[in-house]
Amino acid sequence: VRGTQVLLEAARRHRVGRFLQISTDEV
């Protein structure tokens, strides 16, 4: 959770074009 949020915030600040989150069917 925290790690994903840190990555998202970095992607937002640096205007990264694509962000792919690898999740699971267990959700």
PDB file of all heavy atoms in Angstrom:
ATOM      1  N   VAL A   1       0.836  -1.208   0.000  1.00  0.00           N
ATOM      2  CA  VAL A   1       0.000   0.000   0.000  1.00  0.00           C
ATOM      3  C   VAL A   1       0.870   1.258   0.000  1.00  0.00           C
ATOM      4  O   VAL A   1       0.798   2.071  -0.923  1.00  0.00           O
ATOM      5  CB  VAL A   1      -0.966   0.004   1.203  1.00  0.00           C
ATOM      6  CG1 VAL A   1      -1.879   1.227   1.133  1.00  0.00           C
ATOM      7  CG2 VAL A   1      -1.803  -1.272   1.219  1.00  0.00           C
ATOM      8  N   ARG A   2       1.684   1.424   1.033  1.00  0.00           N
ATOM      9  CA  ARG A   2       2.545   2.602   1.106  1.00  0.00           C
ATOM     10  C   ARG A   2       3.493   2.661  -0.096  1.00  0.00           C
ATOM     11  O   ARG A   2       3.661   3.722  -0.716  1.00  0.00           O
ATOM     12  CB  ARG A   2       3.342   2.569   2.406  1.00  0.00           C
ATOM     13  CG  ARG A   2       4.487   3.566   2.516  1.00  0.00           C
ATOM     14  CD  ARG A   2       4.036   4.998   2.436  1.00  0.00           C
ATOM     15  NE  ARG A   2       5.152   5.919   2.639  1.00  0.00           N
ATOM     16  CZ  ARG A   2       5.124   7.204   2.311  1.00  0.00           C
ATOM     17  NH1 ARG A   2       4.030   7.733   1.768  1.00  0.00           N
ATOM     18  NH2 ARG A   2       6.185   7.963   2.519  1.00  0.00           N
ATOM     19  N   GLY A   3       4.096   1.544  -0.467  1.00  0.00           N
ATOM     20  CA  GLY A   3       5.021   1.539  -1.600  1.00  0.00           C
ATOM     21  C   GLY A   3       4.352   1.944  -2.895  1.00  0.00           C
ATOM     22  O   GLY A   3       4.914   2.706  -3.699  1.00  0.00           O
ATOM     23  N   THR A   4       3.140   1.455  -3.134  1.00  0.00           N
ATOM     24  CA  THR A   4       2.411   1.836  -4.347  1.00  0.00           C
ATOM     25  C   THR A   4       2.106   3.322  -4.351  1.00  0.00           C
ATOM     26  O   THR A   4       2.237   3.999  -5.384  1.00  0.00           O
ATOM     27  CB  THR A   4       1.110   1.016  -4.466  1.00  0.00           C
ATOM     28  OG1 THR A   4       1.433  -0.372  -4.546  1.00  0.00           O
ATOM     29  CG2 THR A   4       0.319   1.422  -5.698  1.00  0.00           C
ATOM     30  N   GLN A   5       1.733   3.874  -3.197  1.00  0.00           N
ATOM     31  CA  GLN A   5       1.437   5.313  -3.122  1.00  0.00           C
ATOM     32  C   GLN A   5       2.682   6.147  -3.407  1.00  0.00           C
ATOM     33  O   GLN A   5       2.608   7.176  -4.101  1.00  0.00           O
ATOM     34  CB  GLN A   5       0.861   5.642  -1.742  1.00  0.00           C
ATOM     35  CG  GLN A   5       0.401   7.077  -1.587  1.00  0.00           C
ATOM     36  CD  GLN A   5       1.522   8.023  -1.151  1.00  0.00           C
ATOM     37  OE1 GLN A   5       2.455   7.598  -0.457  1.00  0.00           O
ATOM     38  NE2 GLN A   5       1.429   9.277  -1.554  1.00  0.00           N
ATOM     39  N   VAL A   6       3.830   5.706  -2.911  1.00  0.00           N
ATOM     40  CA  VAL A   6       5.081   6.432  -3.181  1.00  0.00           C
ATOM     41  C   VAL A   6       5.377   6.423  -4.681  1.00  0.00           C
ATOM     42  O   VAL A   6       5.745   7.458  -5.266  1.00  0.00           O
ATOM     43  CB  VAL A   6       6.253   5.798  -2.393  1.00  0.00           C
ATOM     44  CG1 VAL A   6       7.593   6.353  -2.872  1.00  0.00           C
ATOM     45  CG2 VAL A   6       6.081   6.047  -0.901  1.00  0.00           C
ATOM     46  N   LEU A   7       5.195   5.286  -5.334  1.00  0.00           N
ATOM     47  CA  LEU A   7       5.417   5.205  -6.780  1.00  0.00           C
ATOM     48  C   LEU A   7       4.440   6.078  -7.556  1.00  0.00           C
ATOM     49  O   LEU A   7       4.815   6.763  -8.515  1.00  0.00           O
ATOM     50  CB  LEU A   7       5.280   3.757  -7.248  1.00  0.00           C
ATOM     51  CG  LEU A   7       6.386   2.790  -6.857  1.00  0.00           C
ATOM     52  CD1 LEU A   7       5.977   1.363  -7.219  1.00  0.00           C
ATOM     53  CD2 LEU A   7       7.705   3.151  -7.534  1.00  0.00           C
ATOM     54  N   LEU A   8       3.187   6.073  -7.152  1.00  0.00           N
ATOM     55  CA  LEU A   8       2.174   6.899  -7.824  1.00  0.00           C
ATOM     56  C   LEU A   8       2.513   8.379  -7.708  1.00  0.00           C
ATOM     57  O   LEU A   8       2.380   9.141  -8.676  1.00  0.00           O
ATOM     58  CB  LEU A   8       0.798   6.617  -7.228  1.00  0.00           C
ATOM     59  CG  LEU A   8       0.164   5.269  -7.573  1.00  0.00           C
ATOM     60  CD1 LEU A   8      -1.003   4.985  -6.638  1.00  0.00           C
ATOM     61  CD2 LEU A   8      -0.291   5.247  -9.030  1.00  0.00           C
ATOM     62  N   GLU A   9       2.940   8.774  -6.540  1.00  0.00           N
ATOM     63  CA  GLU A   9       3.275  10.193  -6.339  1.00  0.00           C
ATOM     64  C   GLU A   9       4.478  10.586  -7.192  1.00  0.00           C
ATOM     65  O   GLU A   9       4.507  11.674  -7.787  1.00  0.00           O
ATOM     66  CB  GLU A   9       3.553  10.452  -4.858  1.00  0.00           C
ATOM     67  CG  GLU A   9       3.701  11.909  -4.486  1.00  0.00           C
ATOM     68  CD  GLU A   9       2.475  12.747  -4.802  1.00  0.00           C
ATOM     69  OE1 GLU A   9       1.369  12.208  -4.920  1.00  0.00           O
ATOM     70  OE2 GLU A   9       2.649  13.988  -4.950  1.00  0.00           O
ATOM     71  N   ALA A  10       5.471   9.706  -7.286  1.00  0.00           N
ATOM     72  CA  ALA A  10       6.623   9.984  -8.143  1.00  0.00           C
ATOM     73  C   ALA A  10       6.199  10.053  -9.609  1.00  0.00           C
ATOM     74  O   ALA A  10       6.665  10.922 -10.363  1.00  0.00           O
ATOM     75  CB  ALA A  10       7.687   8.903  -7.951  1.00  0.00           C
ATOM     76  N   ALA A  11       5.325   9.150 -10.013  1.00  0.00           N
ATOM     77  CA  ALA A  11       4.834   9.164 -11.389  1.00  0.00           C
ATOM     78  C   ALA A  11       4.076  10.446 -11.688  1.00  0.00           C
ATOM     79  O   ALA A  11       4.205  11.027 -12.779  1.00  0.00           O
ATOM     80  CB  ALA A  11       3.931   7.951 -11.628  1.00  0.00           C
ATOM     81  N   ARG A  12       3.304  10.917 -10.733  1.00  0.00           N
ATOM     82  CA  ARG A  12       2.570  12.178 -10.921  1.00  0.00           C
ATOM     83  C   ARG A  12       3.518  13.362 -11.061  1.00  0.00           C
ATOM     84  O   ARG A  12       3.387  14.183 -11.980  1.00  0.00           O
ATOM     85  CB  ARG A  12       1.610  12.400  -9.750  1.00  0.00           C
ATOM     86  CG  ARG A  12       0.761  13.672  -9.864  1.00  0.00           C
ATOM     87  CD  ARG A  12       0.033  13.970  -8.566  1.00  0.00           C
ATOM     88  NE  ARG A  12       0.937  14.348  -7.496  1.00  0.00           N
ATOM     89  CZ  ARG A  12       1.445  15.579  -7.340  1.00  0.00           C
ATOM     90  NH1 ARG A  12       1.164  16.540  -8.218  1.00  0.00           N
ATOM     91  NH2 ARG A  12       2.251  15.840  -6.330  1.00  0.00           N
ATOM     92  N   ARG A  13       4.492  13.444 -10.162  1.00  0.00           N
ATOM     93  CA  ARG A  13       5.420  14.576 -10.176  1.00  0.00           C
ATOM     94  C   ARG A  13       6.250  14.612 -11.452  1.00  0.00           C
ATOM     95  O   ARG A  13       6.513  15.686 -12.001  1.00  0.00           O
ATOM     96  CB  ARG A  13       6.361  14.519  -8.963  1.00  0.00           C
ATOM     97  CG  ARG A  13       5.707  14.829  -7.640  1.00  0.00           C
ATOM     98  CD  ARG A  13       6.767  15.160  -6.592  1.00  0.00           C
ATOM     99  NE  ARG A  13       7.906  14.249  -6.639  1.00  0.00           N
ATOM    100  CZ  ARG A  13       7.972  13.101  -5.990  1.00  0.00           C
ATOM    101  NH1 ARG A  13       6.945  12.694  -5.261  1.00  0.00           N
ATOM    102  NH2 ARG A  13       9.051  12.337  -6.069  1.00  0.00           N
ATOM    103  N   HIS A  14       6.668  13.460 -11.920  1.00  0.00           N
ATOM    104  CA  HIS A  14       7.552  13.387 -13.082  1.00  0.00           C
ATOM    105  C   HIS A  14       6.793  13.204 -14.395  1.00  0.00           C
ATOM    106  O   HIS A  14       7.412  13.005 -15.436  1.00  0.00           O
ATOM    107  CB  HIS A  14       8.560  12.244 -12.897  1.00  0.00           C
ATOM    108  CG  HIS A  14       9.582  12.505 -11.832  1.00  0.00           C
ATOM    109  ND1 HIS A  14      10.715  13.271 -12.054  1.00  0.00           N
ATOM    110  CD2 HIS A  14       9.625  12.115 -10.521  1.00  0.00           C
ATOM    111  CE1 HIS A  14      11.428  13.320 -10.938  1.00  0.00           C
ATOM    112  NE2 HIS A  14      10.790  12.632  -9.996  1.00  0.00           N
ATOM    113  N   ARG A  15       5.469  13.250 -14.318  1.00  0.00           N
ATOM    114  CA  ARG A  15       4.619  13.163 -15.516  1.00  0.00           C
ATOM    115  C   ARG A  15       4.915  11.911 -16.344  1.00  0.00           C
ATOM    116  O   ARG A  15       5.083  11.970 -17.572  1.00  0.00           O
ATOM    117  CB  ARG A  15       4.783  14.421 -16.380  1.00  0.00           C
ATOM    118  CG  ARG A  15       4.418  15.716 -15.651  1.00  0.00           C
ATOM    119  CD  ARG A  15       4.552  16.928 -16.535  1.00  0.00           C
ATOM    120  NE  ARG A  15       4.266  18.153 -15.822  1.00  0.00           N
ATOM    121  CZ  ARG A  15       3.038  18.659 -15.621  1.00  0.00           C
ATOM    122  NH1 ARG A  15       1.989  18.013 -16.092  1.00  0.00           N
ATOM    123  NH2 ARG A  15       2.866  19.786 -14.963  1.00  0.00           N
ATOM    124  N   VAL A  16       4.987  10.779 -15.653  1.00  0.00           N
ATOM    125  CA  VAL A  16       5.188   9.504 -16.331  1.00  0.00           C
ATOM    126  C   VAL A  16       3.916   9.152 -17.106  1.00  0.00           C
ATOM    127  O   VAL A  16       2.808   9.238 -16.576  1.00  0.00           O
ATOM    128  CB  VAL A  16       5.525   8.393 -15.318  1.00  0.00           C
ATOM    129  CG1 VAL A  16       5.615   7.035 -16.003  1.00  0.00           C
ATOM    130  CG2 VAL A  16       6.834   8.720 -14.603  1.00  0.00           C
ATOM    131  N   GLY A  17       4.085   8.736 -18.348  1.00  0.00           N
ATOM    132  CA  GLY A  17       2.930   8.537 -19.212  1.00  0.00           C
ATOM    133  C   GLY A  17       2.096   7.313 -18.891  1.00  0.00           C
ATOM    134  O   GLY A  17       0.871   7.324 -19.059  1.00  0.00           O
ATOM    135  N   ARG A  18       2.733   6.217 -18.441  1.00  0.00           N
ATOM    136  CA  ARG A  18       2.015   4.973 -18.196  1.00  0.00           C
ATOM    137  C   ARG A  18       2.432   4.398 -16.840  1.00  0.00           C
ATOM    138  O   ARG A  18       3.617   4.370 -16.506  1.00  0.00           O
ATOM    139  CB  ARG A  18       2.313   3.934 -19.276  1.00  0.00           C
ATOM    140  CG  ARG A  18       2.091   4.395 -20.686  1.00  0.00           C
ATOM    141  CD  ARG A  18       0.638   4.427 -21.067  1.00  0.00           C
ATOM    142  NE  ARG A  18       0.156   3.136 -21.548  1.00  0.00           N
ATOM    143  CZ  ARG A  18      -1.058   2.971 -22.069  1.00  0.00           C
ATOM    144  NH1 ARG A  18      -1.908   3.975 -22.152  1.00  0.00           N
ATOM    145  NH2 ARG A  18      -1.427   1.769 -22.501  1.00  0.00           N
ATOM    146  N   PHE A  19       1.454   3.923 -16.098  1.00  0.00           N
ATOM    147  CA  PHE A  19       1.701   3.280 -14.812  1.00  0.00           C
ATOM    148  C   PHE A  19       0.903   1.987 -14.797  1.00  0.00           C
ATOM    149  O   PHE A  19      -0.336   2.010 -14.816  1.00  0.00           O
ATOM    150  CB  PHE A  19       1.269   4.175 -13.653  1.00  0.00           C
ATOM    151  CG  PHE A  19       1.640   3.641 -12.281  1.00  0.00           C
ATOM    152  CD1 PHE A  19       2.699   4.200 -11.580  1.00  0.00           C
ATOM    153  CD2 PHE A  19       0.934   2.597 -11.696  1.00  0.00           C
ATOM    154  CE1 PHE A  19       3.047   3.723 -10.317  1.00  0.00           C
ATOM    155  CE2 PHE A  19       1.272   2.111 -10.451  1.00  0.00           C
ATOM    156  CZ  PHE A  19       2.335   2.681  -9.756  1.00  0.00           C
ATOM    157  N   LEU A  20       1.588   0.850 -14.778  1.00  0.00           N
ATOM    158  CA  LEU A  20       0.927  -0.451 -14.792  1.00  0.00           C
ATOM    159  C   LEU A  20       1.071  -1.113 -13.425  1.00  0.00           C
ATOM    160  O   LEU A  20       2.181  -1.424 -12.995  1.00  0.00           O
ATOM    161  CB  LEU A  20       1.520  -1.344 -15.884  1.00  0.00           C
ATOM    162  CG  LEU A  20       0.961  -2.764 -15.992  1.00  0.00           C
ATOM    163  CD1 LEU A  20      -0.552  -2.753 -16.163  1.00  0.00           C
ATOM    164  CD2 LEU A  20       1.626  -3.506 -17.152  1.00  0.00           C
ATOM    165  N   GLN A  21      -0.052  -1.313 -12.764  1.00  0.00           N
ATOM    166  CA  GLN A  21      -0.082  -1.953 -11.458  1.00  0.00           C
ATOM    167  C   GLN A  21      -0.379  -3.440 -11.628  1.00  0.00           C
ATOM    168  O   GLN A  21      -1.412  -3.826 -12.173  1.00  0.00           O
ATOM    169  CB  GLN A  21      -1.167  -1.309 -10.583  1.00  0.00           C
ATOM    170  CG  GLN A  21      -1.449  -2.001  -9.275  1.00  0.00           C
ATOM    171  CD  GLN A  21      -0.352  -1.794  -8.237  1.00  0.00           C
ATOM    172  OE1 GLN A  21       0.646  -1.115  -8.485  1.00  0.00           O
ATOM    173  NE2 GLN A  21      -0.536  -2.376  -7.063  1.00  0.00           N
ATOM    174  N   ILE A  22       0.546  -4.288 -11.150  1.00  0.00           N
ATOM    175  CA  ILE A  22       0.369  -5.730 -11.236  1.00  0.00           C
ATOM    176  C   ILE A  22      -0.353  -6.196  -9.983  1.00  0.00           C
ATOM    177  O   ILE A  22       0.224  -6.244  -8.897  1.00  0.00           O
ATOM    178  CB  ILE A  22       1.717  -6.466 -11.378  1.00  0.00           C
ATOM    179  CG1 ILE A  22       2.581  -5.808 -12.465  1.00  0.00           C
ATOM    180  CG2 ILE A  22       1.472  -7.941 -11.679  1.00  0.00           C
ATOM    181  CD1 ILE A  22       1.933  -5.730 -13.825  1.00  0.00           C
ATOM    182  N   SER A  23      -1.624  -6.536 -10.131  1.00  0.00           N
ATOM    183  CA  SER A  23      -2.438  -6.948  -8.998  1.00  0.00           C
ATOM    184  C   SER A  23      -2.664  -8.460  -9.049  1.00  0.00           C
ATOM    185  O   SER A  23      -1.853  -9.199  -9.595  1.00  0.00           O
ATOM    186  CB  SER A  23      -3.756  -6.170  -8.989  1.00  0.00           C
ATOM    187  OG  SER A  23      -4.487  -6.408  -7.809  1.00  0.00           O
ATOM    188  N   THR A  24      -3.762  -8.915  -8.498  1.00  0.00           N
ATOM    189  CA  THR A  24      -4.028 -10.347  -8.363  1.00  0.00           C
ATOM    190  C   THR A  24      -5.517 -10.612  -8.395  1.00  0.00           C
ATOM    191  O   THR A  24      -6.322  -9.753  -7.988  1.00  0.00           O
ATOM    192  CB  THR A  24      -3.448 -10.878  -7.033  1.00  0.00           C
ATOM    193  OG1 THR A  24      -3.905 -12.219  -6.809  1.00  0.00           O
ATOM    194  CG2 THR A  24      -3.906 -10.032  -5.857  1.00  0.00           C
ATOM    195  N   ASP A  25      -5.910 -11.807  -8.845  1.00  0.00           N
ATOM    196  CA  ASP A  25      -7.322 -12.172  -8.824  1.00  0.00           C
ATOM    197  C   ASP A  25      -7.837 -12.375  -7.407  1.00  0.00           C
ATOM    198  O   ASP A  25      -9.050 -12.400  -7.172  1.00  0.00           O
ATOM    199  CB  ASP A  25      -7.569 -13.427  -9.664  1.00  0.00           C
ATOM    200  CG  ASP A  25      -6.797 -14.652  -9.178  1.00  0.00           C
ATOM    201  OD1 ASP A  25      -5.924 -14.513  -8.298  1.00  0.00           O
ATOM    202  OD2 ASP A  25      -7.075 -15.753  -9.694  1.00  0.00           O
ATOM    203  N   GLU A  26      -6.926 -12.476  -6.430  1.00  0.00           N
ATOM    204  CA  GLU A  26      -7.355 -12.709  -5.058  1.00  0.00           C
ATOM    205  C   GLU A  26      -8.109 -11.521  -4.459  1.00  0.00           C
ATOM    206  O   GLU A  26      -8.786 -11.669  -3.438  1.00  0.00           O
ATOM    207  CB  GLU A  26      -6.159 -13.082  -4.176  1.00  0.00           C
ATOM    208  CG  GLU A  26      -5.528 -14.410  -4.574  1.00  0.00           C
ATOM    209  CD  GLU A  26      -4.511 -14.920  -3.581  1.00  0.00           C
ATOM    210  OE1 GLU A  26      -4.758 -14.791  -2.364  1.00  0.00           O
ATOM    211  OE2 GLU A  26      -3.475 -15.452  -4.003  1.00  0.00           O
ATOM    212  N   VAL A  27      -8.015 -10.342  -5.076  1.00  0.00           N
ATOM    213  CA  VAL A  27      -8.776  -9.193  -4.563  1.00  0.00           C
ATOM    214  C   VAL A  27     -10.276  -9.414  -4.701  1.00  0.00           C
ATOM    215  O   VAL A  27     -11.075  -8.755  -4.027  1.00  0.00           O
ATOM    216  CB  VAL A  27      -8.368  -7.885  -5.267  1.00  0.00           C
ATOM    217  CG1 VAL A  27      -6.898  -7.587  -5.055  1.00  0.00           C
ATOM    218  CG2 VAL A  27      -8.714  -7.914  -6.748  1.00  0.00           C
TER     219      VAL A  27
END
